[in-house]
Amino acid sequence: MEAMSANEAFDLEIRDESIRLGQLLKLASLAEDGIHAKEMISEGIVTVNGEVDTRRGAQIRPGDVVCVNGECVRVTAQP
């Protein structure tokens, strides 16, 4: 169970219609670099909308909530 709920997530705006999970982790500063993101994803500690996702290239879209170790990010679209 995540320590932080989706209501406590911070918003992260993306300019495209989607972003890959590994890129999102770096952009949100949840991962130090691509290697760190890959390790976290493969270890199963990354959730997307409450479900563990082990696909580094998973497409994350506005409205999705990504959590790592209790830190959550809600993806939003640029207006």
Protein backbone atom coordinates (compact mmCIF):
# COMPACT_ATOMS: atom_id res chain seq x y z
CA MET A 1 0.00 0.00 0.00
CA GLU A 2 1.29 3.45 -0.90
CA ALA A 3 2.03 5.84 1.94
CA MET A 4 0.78 8.78 -0.11
CA SER A 5 -2.62 8.86 -1.79
CA ALA A 6 -3.32 10.23 -5.24
CA ASN A 7 -4.81 13.29 -3.53
CA GLU A 8 -1.37 14.09 -2.09
CA ALA A 9 0.47 13.65 -5.39
CA PHE A 10 2.22 16.62 -6.93
CA ASP A 11 1.28 17.56 -10.48
CA LEU A 12 3.79 17.19 -13.29
CA GLU A 13 2.92 18.80 -16.61
CA ILE A 14 3.95 17.10 -19.85
CA ARG A 15 3.85 18.74 -23.26
CA ASP A 16 3.08 15.64 -25.34
CA GLU A 17 0.05 13.35 -25.12
CA SER A 18 2.11 10.71 -23.29
CA ILE A 19 5.53 10.04 -21.78
CA ARG A 20 7.38 6.78 -21.17
CA LEU A 21 7.51 5.61 -17.56
CA GLY A 22 11.33 5.71 -17.38
CA GLN A 23 11.40 9.27 -18.72
CA LEU A 24 8.71 10.37 -16.28
CA LEU A 25 10.69 9.07 -13.30
CA LYS A 26 13.70 11.15 -14.39
CA LEU A 27 11.61 14.25 -15.17
CA ALA A 28 9.90 14.09 -11.77
CA SER A 29 13.28 13.60 -10.03
CA LEU A 30 12.09 10.27 -8.62
CA ALA A 31 15.07 8.62 -10.35
CA GLU A 32 18.61 9.99 -10.61
CA ASP A 33 19.09 8.79 -14.18
CA GLY A 34 17.89 6.23 -16.71
CA ILE A 35 19.77 3.38 -15.08
CA HIS A 36 18.23 4.17 -11.69
CA ALA A 37 14.75 4.37 -13.29
CA LYS A 38 15.27 1.01 -14.99
CA GLU A 39 16.35 -0.60 -11.70
CA MET A 40 13.36 0.78 -9.78
CA ILE A 41 10.92 -0.36 -12.46
CA SER A 42 12.43 -3.85 -12.70
CA GLU A 43 12.39 -4.17 -8.87
CA GLY A 44 8.62 -3.65 -8.92
CA ILE A 45 8.60 -0.59 -6.67
CA VAL A 46 6.92 1.69 -9.22
CA THR A 47 3.13 1.80 -9.41
CA VAL A 48 0.94 3.36 -12.08
CA ASN A 49 -2.59 4.07 -10.92
CA GLY A 50 -2.06 1.77 -7.94
CA GLU A 51 -0.75 -1.21 -9.95
CA VAL A 52 2.90 -2.31 -10.17
CA ASP A 53 4.19 -1.70 -13.71
CA THR A 54 7.49 -3.28 -14.79
CA ARG A 55 7.45 -1.89 -18.34
CA ARG A 56 10.00 0.90 -18.66
CA GLY A 57 8.40 2.01 -21.92
CA ALA A 58 4.83 2.03 -20.57
CA GLN A 59 2.97 5.06 -21.93
CA ILE A 60 1.90 7.39 -19.13
CA ARG A 61 -0.85 9.86 -19.97
CA PRO A 62 -2.43 12.89 -18.27
CA GLY A 63 -4.51 11.75 -15.31
CA ASP A 64 -2.20 8.82 -14.47
CA VAL A 65 -0.64 8.72 -11.00
CA VAL A 66 2.85 7.23 -10.66
CA CYS A 67 4.24 6.39 -7.21
CA VAL A 68 7.68 5.29 -5.97
CA ASN A 69 8.41 4.69 -2.28
CA GLY A 70 5.43 6.78 -1.19
CA GLU A 71 6.18 9.73 -3.49
CA CYS A 72 3.46 10.25 -6.09
CA VAL A 73 3.20 12.32 -9.25
CA ARG A 74 -0.03 13.07 -11.11
CA VAL A 75 0.56 13.68 -14.81
CA THR A 76 -1.17 16.71 -16.27
CA ALA A 77 -1.33 18.14 -19.79
CA GLN A 78 -0.24 21.60 -20.84
CA PRO A 79 -3.26 23.83 -21.53
